Amino acid sequence: LSHLPWILFPTPTARWLNNRLLTLQGWFINRFTQQLLLPLNVGGHKWATILTSLMLFLITLNMLGLLPYTFTPTTQLSLNMGLAVPLWLATVIIGMQNQPTAALGHLLPKGTPVPLIPVLIIIQTISLFIRPLALGVRLTANLTAGHLLIQLIATAAFVLLPIMPTVALLTSVVLFLLTLLEVAVAMIQAYVFVLLMSLYLQQNV
């Protein structure tokens, strides 16, 4: 079981033609990278490796966490904040270095009435600093909620089995459908995390 995560990352072969798993993996990574870098200019393309690696890392952790008797690190806010804060801070620093006027210009929308300028600057600054918190909390909350639902429904099915077998069977069907939904959520949340990070980068590159 300890070797399971490495099975998800097939190693390239020395053959001219790859197997189906490698071909599928290569196609997925290429498509994802193209989709991610589409709104970014050439300066942001340096981030392709780190963003794609982050996507694969989050998907792997989220998917492995759906296995029985496993711990999901991405349900911990500390890990998610540890990923979100440094990357968000890097995008802000890049913005300040490359185009300080435009980066600071985001704090004040064009055409703002003079009396509202101080208030709007404070609000925009707060919203800027809330971004990494929102990234971390979104990932944590979605995965934790899904795992709690699975646990509650599984417990209900187990308890109802000797008392009401028909209801327990229906509950098991709901549990199966919810598990499929959680697989989709695990992949979508990893994608959303990286997509929002690329959008923050787009504003600052």
Protein backbone atom coordinates (compact mmCIF):
# COMPACT_ATOMS: atom_id res chain seq x y z
CA LEU A 1 0.00 0.00 0.00
CA SER A 2 2.92 2.35 0.69
CA HIS A 3 3.87 2.16 -3.00
CA LEU A 4 0.36 3.11 -4.14
CA PRO A 5 0.98 6.85 -4.81
CA TRP A 6 3.86 6.01 -7.18
CA ILE A 7 1.55 3.80 -9.27
CA LEU A 8 -0.36 6.98 -10.15
CA PHE A 9 2.79 8.45 -11.75
CA PRO A 10 3.98 5.95 -14.38
CA THR A 11 7.67 6.33 -15.28
CA PRO A 12 8.58 6.93 -18.95
CA THR A 13 9.82 3.86 -20.83
CA ALA A 14 12.79 3.53 -23.18
CA ARG A 15 10.48 2.31 -25.97
CA TRP A 16 9.53 4.37 -29.00
CA LEU A 17 5.82 4.05 -28.25
CA ASN A 18 4.40 4.56 -24.78
CA ASN A 19 1.66 2.45 -23.23
CA ARG A 20 -1.93 3.70 -22.85
CA LEU A 21 -1.45 4.93 -19.27
CA LEU A 22 1.59 7.05 -20.15
CA THR A 23 -0.10 8.42 -23.28
CA LEU A 24 -3.22 9.35 -21.30
CA GLN A 25 -1.14 10.99 -18.56
CA GLY A 26 0.90 12.98 -21.12
CA TRP A 27 -2.27 14.10 -22.93
CA PHE A 28 -3.90 15.20 -19.65
CA ILE A 29 -0.85 17.21 -18.50
CA ASN A 30 -0.48 18.88 -21.92
CA ARG A 31 -4.16 19.82 -22.10
CA PHE A 32 -4.17 21.12 -18.53
CA THR A 33 -1.02 23.19 -19.04
CA GLN A 34 -2.40 24.69 -22.29
CA GLN A 35 -5.69 25.56 -20.58
CA LEU A 36 -3.91 27.08 -17.60
CA LEU A 37 -1.42 29.19 -19.57
CA LEU A 38 -3.98 30.42 -22.13
CA PRO A 39 -4.79 33.72 -20.32
CA LEU A 40 -1.17 34.28 -19.19
CA ASN A 41 1.44 36.17 -21.19
CA VAL A 42 4.93 34.77 -21.91
CA GLY A 43 6.28 35.98 -18.54
CA GLY A 44 3.79 33.79 -16.69
CA HIS A 45 4.77 30.66 -18.63
CA LYS A 46 7.72 30.17 -16.24
CA TRP A 47 5.13 29.04 -13.69
CA ALA A 48 3.94 26.11 -15.86
CA THR A 49 5.97 23.46 -14.00
CA ILE A 50 5.10 24.58 -10.47
CA LEU A 51 1.36 24.99 -11.21
CA THR A 52 1.09 21.62 -13.01
CA SER A 53 3.06 19.91 -10.21
CA LEU A 54 0.78 21.53 -7.61
CA MET A 55 -2.29 20.32 -9.50
CA LEU A 56 -1.01 16.71 -9.63
CA PHE A 57 0.06 16.89 -5.96
CA LEU A 58 -3.38 18.10 -4.81
CA ILE A 59 -5.27 15.59 -6.97
CA THR A 60 -3.10 12.75 -5.60
CA LEU A 61 -3.64 13.77 -1.96
CA ASN A 62 -7.39 14.30 -2.46
CA MET A 63 -7.90 10.98 -4.27
CA LEU A 64 -5.79 8.93 -1.84
CA GLY A 65 -7.79 10.45 1.02
CA LEU A 66 -10.94 8.75 -0.34
CA LEU A 67 -9.46 5.30 0.32
CA PRO A 68 -10.62 3.59 3.57
CA TYR A 69 -8.48 4.08 6.69
CA THR A 70 -6.39 6.85 5.15
CA PHE A 71 -5.74 10.39 6.34
CA THR A 72 -6.33 13.29 3.94
CA PRO A 73 -3.70 16.01 4.52
CA THR A 74 -5.68 18.53 2.43
CA THR A 75 -8.48 18.55 5.04
CA GLN A 76 -6.00 20.38 7.32
CA LEU A 77 -6.10 24.16 7.01
CA SER A 78 -2.41 24.40 7.99
CA LEU A 79 -1.27 22.47 4.89
CA ASN A 80 -3.57 24.37 2.52
CA MET A 81 -2.49 27.73 3.94
CA GLY A 82 1.13 26.58 3.69
CA LEU A 83 0.57 26.08 -0.05
CA ALA A 84 -1.64 29.14 -0.66
CA VAL A 85 0.23 31.89 1.24
CA PRO A 86 3.75 31.53 -0.28
CA LEU A 87 2.41 31.19 -3.84
CA TRP A 88 0.02 34.14 -3.42
CA LEU A 89 2.83 36.20 -1.85
CA ALA A 90 5.09 35.33 -4.79
CA THR A 91 2.48 36.65 -7.27
CA VAL A 92 2.14 39.90 -5.26
CA ILE A 93 5.93 40.39 -5.07
CA ILE A 94 6.27 39.73 -8.83
CA GLY A 95 3.55 42.34 -9.48
CA MET A 96 5.31 44.91 -7.28
CA GLN A 97 8.65 44.25 -9.01
CA ASN A 98 7.48 44.17 -12.63
CA GLN A 99 4.70 46.75 -12.70
CA PRO A 100 4.30 48.55 -9.34
CA THR A 101 1.93 51.21 -10.79
CA ALA A 102 -0.49 48.63 -12.22
CA ALA A 103 -0.25 46.42 -9.12
CA LEU A 104 -1.13 49.34 -6.83
CA GLY A 105 -3.70 50.53 -9.40
CA HIS A 106 -5.81 47.42 -8.63
CA LEU A 107 -6.43 48.87 -5.17
CA LEU A 108 -8.35 51.81 -6.65
CA PRO A 109 -10.85 51.21 -9.50
CA LYS A 110 -10.98 53.84 -12.24
CA GLY A 111 -13.59 56.59 -11.89
CA THR A 112 -13.96 56.32 -8.10
CA PRO A 113 -15.52 59.42 -6.45
CA VAL A 114 -12.98 61.33 -4.32
CA PRO A 115 -14.81 60.90 -0.94
CA LEU A 116 -14.84 57.10 -1.41
CA ILE A 117 -11.14 56.76 -2.26
CA PRO A 118 -9.82 56.03 1.32
CA VAL A 119 -12.64 53.56 2.04
CA LEU A 120 -12.18 51.73 -1.27
CA ILE A 121 -8.42 51.43 -0.81
CA ILE A 122 -8.97 49.84 2.63
CA ILE A 123 -11.61 47.43 1.24
CA GLN A 124 -9.45 46.43 -1.75
CA THR A 125 -6.42 45.90 0.50
CA ILE A 126 -8.44 43.66 2.84
CA SER A 127 -9.79 41.67 -0.16
CA LEU A 128 -6.22 41.24 -1.43
CA PHE A 129 -5.05 39.79 1.90
CA ILE A 130 -8.14 37.54 2.20
CA ARG A 131 -7.30 35.75 -1.10
CA PRO A 132 -4.91 33.11 0.33
CA LEU A 133 -7.26 32.53 3.28
CA ALA A 134 -10.16 31.96 0.85
CA LEU A 135 -8.03 29.52 -1.19
CA GLY A 136 -7.08 27.47 1.86
CA VAL A 137 -10.52 27.51 3.51
CA ARG A 138 -12.33 26.57 0.26
CA LEU A 139 -10.20 23.45 -0.23
CA THR A 140 -10.39 22.44 3.45
CA ALA A 141 -14.15 23.01 3.79
CA ASN A 142 -15.14 21.17 0.61
CA LEU A 143 -13.08 18.07 1.37
CA THR A 144 -13.97 17.98 5.08
CA ALA A 145 -17.70 18.33 4.33
CA GLY A 146 -17.55 15.50 1.77
CA HIS A 147 -15.69 13.16 4.13
CA LEU A 148 -18.11 13.89 6.98
CA LEU A 149 -21.10 13.16 4.73
CA ILE A 150 -19.58 9.86 3.59
CA GLN A 151 -18.85 8.88 7.20
CA LEU A 152 -22.37 9.76 8.41
CA ILE A 153 -24.15 7.93 5.57
CA ALA A 154 -21.85 4.87 5.92
CA THR A 155 -22.60 4.75 9.68
CA ALA A 156 -26.35 5.08 9.00
CA ALA A 157 -26.23 2.21 6.45
CA PHE A 158 -24.31 0.00 8.92
CA VAL A 159 -26.73 0.72 11.80
CA LEU A 160 -29.88 0.26 9.64
CA LEU A 161 -28.75 -3.06 8.11
CA PRO A 162 -30.11 -5.39 10.86
CA ILE A 163 -33.22 -3.26 11.53
CA MET A 164 -34.38 -2.16 8.03
CA PRO A 165 -32.42 -3.93 5.25
CA THR A 166 -34.32 -2.17 2.42
CA VAL A 167 -33.58 1.30 3.79
CA ALA A 168 -29.96 0.25 4.40
CA LEU A 169 -29.69 -0.85 0.75
CA LEU A 170 -31.05 2.50 -0.47
CA THR A 171 -28.63 4.29 1.86
CA SER A 172 -25.77 2.24 0.38
CA VAL A 173 -26.79 3.36 -3.13
CA VAL A 174 -26.76 6.99 -1.95
CA LEU A 175 -23.34 6.35 -0.39
CA PHE A 176 -22.00 4.98 -3.69
CA LEU A 177 -23.31 8.01 -5.63
CA LEU A 178 -21.87 10.37 -3.00
CA THR A 179 -18.48 8.64 -3.30
CA LEU A 180 -18.53 9.25 -7.07
CA LEU A 181 -19.41 12.88 -6.39
CA GLU A 182 -16.50 13.15 -3.94
CA VAL A 183 -14.09 11.79 -6.57
CA ALA A 184 -15.26 14.59 -8.88
CA VAL A 185 -14.98 17.17 -6.05
CA ALA A 186 -11.42 15.97 -5.26
CA MET A 187 -10.35 16.66 -8.84
CA ILE A 188 -12.36 19.88 -9.30
CA GLN A 189 -11.11 21.46 -6.05
CA ALA A 190 -7.48 20.81 -7.03
CA TYR A 191 -8.17 22.41 -10.42
CA VAL A 192 -9.97 25.42 -8.88
CA PHE A 193 -7.08 26.01 -6.42
CA VAL A 194 -4.50 26.10 -9.24
CA LEU A 195 -6.79 28.05 -11.61
CA LEU A 196 -7.33 30.83 -9.05
CA MET A 197 -3.59 30.94 -8.39
CA SER A 198 -2.99 31.39 -12.15
CA LEU A 199 -5.59 34.20 -12.23
CA TYR A 200 -3.79 36.00 -9.38
CA LEU A 201 -0.57 35.54 -11.33
CA GLN A 202 -2.22 36.93 -14.50
CA GLN A 203 -3.06 40.19 -12.68
CA ASN A 204 0.57 40.66 -11.62
CA VAL A 205 2.63 39.49 -14.61
